[in-house]
Amino acid sequence: MFKLVKAEDENLLEEIYRLRYHVLCEEIKTLDKKDYPEGLEYDEYDRFADQYAILDKEGKVAGCLRLVHHSPIGFPTLNVMHMTDFLQKIDGERLGEISRITIHPKYRKLSLTKKIFNLIIYNGCPEMKNLGLDYALCAVEEPLFRLLRMFSIPFEKIGEAHEYLLRYRYPALLEMKELAKAHPKLCRFKENAASE
C-alpha cells in the first residue's frame, strides 16, 4: 500500500514541505503560518538532511520525514535543548537525527501508522548503515514515545523534557543494533566497523 522514496527532485520536495506546512502550521499550529508565505515549511537543517516521502498506492504523499546527518550546524534537538555536550559521549559522525515525522490525517489509523513505521524501519536500517550512522536522535512528545514503545521501536529518553515547537518533548536516542534486535526481519543492520 505504501512506498518510501528518497526525495531528490524539486516537485517531490515541494510536496513534502507543503504537507509539513499543512500539519505544523495549519493543523497543530506549532509554527506560525505567517513565517511561511509560500505555504511550504522548511528550515536551515533541511540543507543538511535527506528527505523521504511515504507514497500511497496512487503516488501521493501520505507522510514524510527527514534525516539530518553530518551537519556543520549541529542537530536540532541538541541545539534547542542545549545538549551539545552530548557529542562528547557519542561521535557526531555516527549520529543522525530523525525529525519532521509527518503523516497526512487520512493515514493516522493505528493499523496504517504501524505499516508506515515498519516501512521506515525496513528502508531506514540499510540507509543508516550506508551513511555510517549507528544512532538516531529524535525529539518526542510523550504520546509519540508511547506509540514507539507500542511498535517496539526502542528509543530511550536521554534528558528532561523541554519546550520545543510549543510542545514539551524529550530528547530520545535509538541504537540501531537494538532496533535490529527488536525487528530482525525488518531491520537489516550490522554495526559499522568503527563501533564494533
Protein backbone atom coordinates (compact mmCIF):
# COMPACT_ATOMS: atom_id res chain seq x y z
CA MET A 1 0.00 0.00 0.00
CA PHE A 2 2.86 2.39 0.83
CA LYS A 3 6.29 3.04 -0.63
CA LEU A 4 9.14 5.06 0.87
CA VAL A 5 11.33 7.03 -1.52
CA LYS A 6 14.20 9.44 -1.10
CA ALA A 7 13.09 12.82 -2.38
CA GLU A 8 15.60 14.20 -4.84
CA ASP A 9 13.53 16.20 -7.32
CA GLU A 10 12.11 19.64 -6.62
CA ASN A 11 8.47 18.66 -7.19
CA LEU A 12 8.53 15.94 -4.55
CA LEU A 13 10.43 18.15 -2.11
CA GLU A 14 7.79 20.81 -2.57
CA GLU A 15 5.05 18.28 -1.79
CA ILE A 16 6.90 17.30 1.39
CA TYR A 17 7.29 20.91 2.51
CA ARG A 18 3.64 21.56 1.69
CA LEU A 19 2.48 18.63 3.83
CA ARG A 20 4.69 19.83 6.67
CA TYR A 21 3.15 23.29 6.35
CA HIS A 22 -0.37 21.86 6.41
CA VAL A 23 0.25 19.80 9.54
CA LEU A 24 2.64 22.02 11.51
CA CYS A 25 1.25 25.45 10.60
CA GLU A 26 -2.42 24.88 9.85
CA GLU A 27 -3.44 21.78 11.79
CA ILE A 28 -1.49 21.60 15.05
CA LYS A 29 -0.18 25.19 14.81
CA THR A 30 3.25 24.61 16.34
CA LEU A 31 4.68 27.02 13.77
CA ASP A 32 3.31 30.40 12.68
CA LYS A 33 1.97 30.23 9.13
CA LYS A 34 2.87 33.90 8.64
CA ASP A 35 6.54 32.84 8.61
CA TYR A 36 5.89 30.63 5.56
CA PRO A 37 4.07 32.79 3.00
CA GLU A 38 4.69 30.26 0.21
CA GLY A 39 2.80 27.57 2.10
CA LEU A 40 5.99 25.49 2.39
CA GLU A 41 7.62 24.66 5.73
CA TYR A 42 11.39 24.21 5.78
CA ASP A 43 14.27 25.39 7.94
CA GLU A 44 18.06 25.68 8.00
CA TYR A 45 18.55 21.98 8.83
CA ASP A 46 16.92 20.83 5.61
CA ARG A 47 20.10 21.75 3.73
CA PHE A 48 21.90 19.04 5.69
CA ALA A 49 19.17 16.41 5.62
CA ASP A 50 17.98 13.62 3.38
CA GLN A 51 14.24 13.90 2.79
CA TYR A 52 11.97 10.89 2.49
CA ALA A 53 8.38 10.67 1.26
CA ILE A 54 5.91 7.92 2.06
CA LEU A 55 3.77 7.48 -1.04
CA ASP A 56 0.34 5.85 -1.12
CA LYS A 57 -0.77 3.46 -3.87
CA GLU A 58 -1.72 6.43 -6.05
CA GLY A 59 1.72 8.00 -5.67
CA LYS A 60 0.51 10.82 -3.42
CA VAL A 61 2.50 11.89 -0.35
CA ALA A 62 0.98 10.17 2.68
CA GLY A 63 3.79 11.18 5.02
CA CYS A 64 7.39 12.30 5.26
CA LEU A 65 10.43 12.54 7.47
CA ARG A 66 13.97 13.82 7.26
CA LEU A 67 17.32 12.53 8.44
CA VAL A 68 19.80 15.24 9.46
CA HIS A 69 23.36 13.91 9.37
CA HIS A 70 26.96 15.12 9.11
CA SER A 71 25.58 18.61 9.75
CA PRO A 72 28.02 21.50 10.24
CA ILE A 73 25.33 23.39 12.19
CA GLY A 74 24.63 20.51 14.56
CA PHE A 75 21.35 18.77 15.30
CA PRO A 76 18.00 20.46 16.02
CA THR A 77 17.27 18.62 19.27
CA LEU A 78 20.72 19.10 20.77
CA ASN A 79 20.83 22.78 19.80
CA VAL A 80 17.33 23.66 21.03
CA MET A 81 17.71 21.69 24.26
CA HIS A 82 21.24 22.99 24.92
CA MET A 83 22.69 19.46 24.89
CA THR A 84 25.62 19.93 22.50
CA ASP A 85 27.91 18.39 25.16
CA PHE A 86 26.16 15.10 24.33
CA LEU A 87 28.52 14.88 21.35
CA GLN A 88 31.33 14.25 23.85
CA LYS A 89 29.64 10.90 24.58
CA ILE A 90 28.79 9.90 21.00
CA ASP A 91 30.73 10.73 17.86
CA GLY A 92 28.57 13.14 15.85
CA GLU A 93 29.75 11.43 12.66
CA ARG A 94 27.85 8.31 13.76
CA LEU A 95 24.70 10.18 14.79
CA GLY A 96 21.69 11.19 12.72
CA GLU A 97 18.53 12.99 13.77
CA ILE A 98 15.12 11.89 12.55
CA SER A 99 12.67 14.78 12.58
CA ARG A 100 9.66 16.34 10.89
CA ILE A 101 7.92 12.95 11.00
CA THR A 102 4.62 13.93 9.43
CA ILE A 103 1.65 11.76 8.49
CA HIS A 104 -1.32 13.02 6.48
CA PRO A 105 -4.52 12.99 8.60
CA LYS A 106 -6.05 10.47 6.18
CA TYR A 107 -3.49 7.82 7.23
CA ARG A 108 -3.45 8.17 11.02
CA LYS A 109 -5.38 5.00 11.87
CA LEU A 110 -3.22 2.87 14.16
CA SER A 111 -3.02 -0.02 11.67
CA LEU A 112 -1.87 2.30 8.85
CA THR A 113 0.57 4.14 11.08
CA LYS A 114 2.14 0.81 12.06
CA LYS A 115 2.58 -0.08 8.38
CA ILE A 116 4.26 3.28 7.79
CA PHE A 117 6.66 2.82 10.71
CA ASN A 118 7.51 -0.73 9.57
CA LEU A 119 8.27 0.70 6.14
CA ILE A 120 10.53 3.32 7.69
CA ILE A 121 12.39 0.61 9.65
CA TYR A 122 12.75 -1.63 6.58
CA ASN A 123 14.18 1.13 4.42
CA GLY A 124 15.87 3.16 7.13
CA CYS A 125 18.17 0.47 8.55
CA PRO A 126 20.26 -0.08 5.41
CA GLU A 127 20.20 3.66 4.73
CA MET A 128 21.63 4.38 8.20
CA LYS A 129 24.27 1.70 7.69
CA ASN A 130 25.28 3.12 4.30
CA LEU A 131 25.69 6.55 5.88
CA GLY A 132 27.83 5.17 8.71
CA LEU A 133 25.25 6.05 11.38
CA ASP A 134 24.85 3.86 14.47
CA TYR A 135 22.50 6.12 16.43
CA ALA A 136 19.30 8.04 15.70
CA LEU A 137 18.23 11.05 17.73
CA CYS A 138 14.67 12.33 17.95
CA ALA A 139 12.64 14.86 19.96
CA VAL A 140 9.50 13.05 21.12
CA GLU A 141 6.31 14.04 22.89
CA GLU A 142 5.02 11.56 25.45
CA PRO A 143 2.23 10.23 23.15
CA LEU A 144 4.74 9.56 20.37
CA PHE A 145 7.11 7.90 22.83
CA ARG A 146 4.31 5.55 23.93
CA LEU A 147 3.48 4.80 20.30
CA LEU A 148 7.11 3.98 19.53
CA ARG A 149 7.14 1.63 22.50
CA MET A 150 3.93 0.01 21.28
CA PHE A 151 5.64 -0.63 17.94
CA SER A 152 8.77 -2.00 19.71
CA ILE A 153 10.99 0.83 18.48
CA PRO A 154 13.42 1.11 21.41
CA PHE A 155 14.11 4.83 21.70
CA GLU A 156 15.40 5.77 25.17
CA LYS A 157 14.90 9.16 26.81
CA ILE A 158 18.28 10.80 27.40
CA GLY A 159 17.21 14.00 29.14
CA GLU A 160 14.40 16.05 30.61
CA ALA A 161 11.50 17.38 28.56
CA HIS A 162 11.97 20.82 27.01
CA GLU A 163 9.50 23.10 25.28
CA TYR A 164 10.18 22.71 21.57
CA LEU A 165 7.73 23.80 18.86
CA LEU A 166 5.18 24.74 21.56
CA ARG A 167 5.12 21.20 22.98
CA TYR A 168 7.11 19.50 25.71
CA ARG A 169 9.39 16.95 24.10
CA TYR A 170 12.07 14.59 25.35
CA PRO A 171 15.41 14.06 23.67
CA ALA A 172 15.48 10.37 22.78
CA LEU A 173 18.14 8.11 21.31
CA LEU A 174 17.88 4.89 19.31
CA GLU A 175 20.78 2.49 18.93
CA MET A 176 20.49 0.80 15.57
CA LYS A 177 21.79 -2.51 16.93
CA GLU A 178 18.91 -2.51 19.45
CA LEU A 179 16.40 -1.82 16.67
CA ALA A 180 17.87 -4.75 14.72
CA LYS A 181 17.38 -7.00 17.75
CA ALA A 182 13.76 -5.86 18.14
CA HIS A 183 12.97 -6.26 14.43
CA PRO A 184 15.37 -8.83 12.97
CA LYS A 185 13.21 -9.44 9.89
CA LEU A 186 12.70 -5.75 9.13
CA CYS A 187 15.99 -4.18 10.15
CA ARG A 188 18.92 -5.36 8.05
CA PHE A 189 21.61 -3.54 10.00
CA LYS A 190 25.07 -4.53 11.19
CA GLU A 191 27.06 -2.16 13.35
CA ASN A 192 29.64 -0.14 11.49
CA ALA A 193 33.20 -1.26 11.90
CA ALA A 194 34.07 1.92 13.80
CA SER A 195 31.69 0.97 16.60
CA GLU A 196 32.49 -2.72 16.87
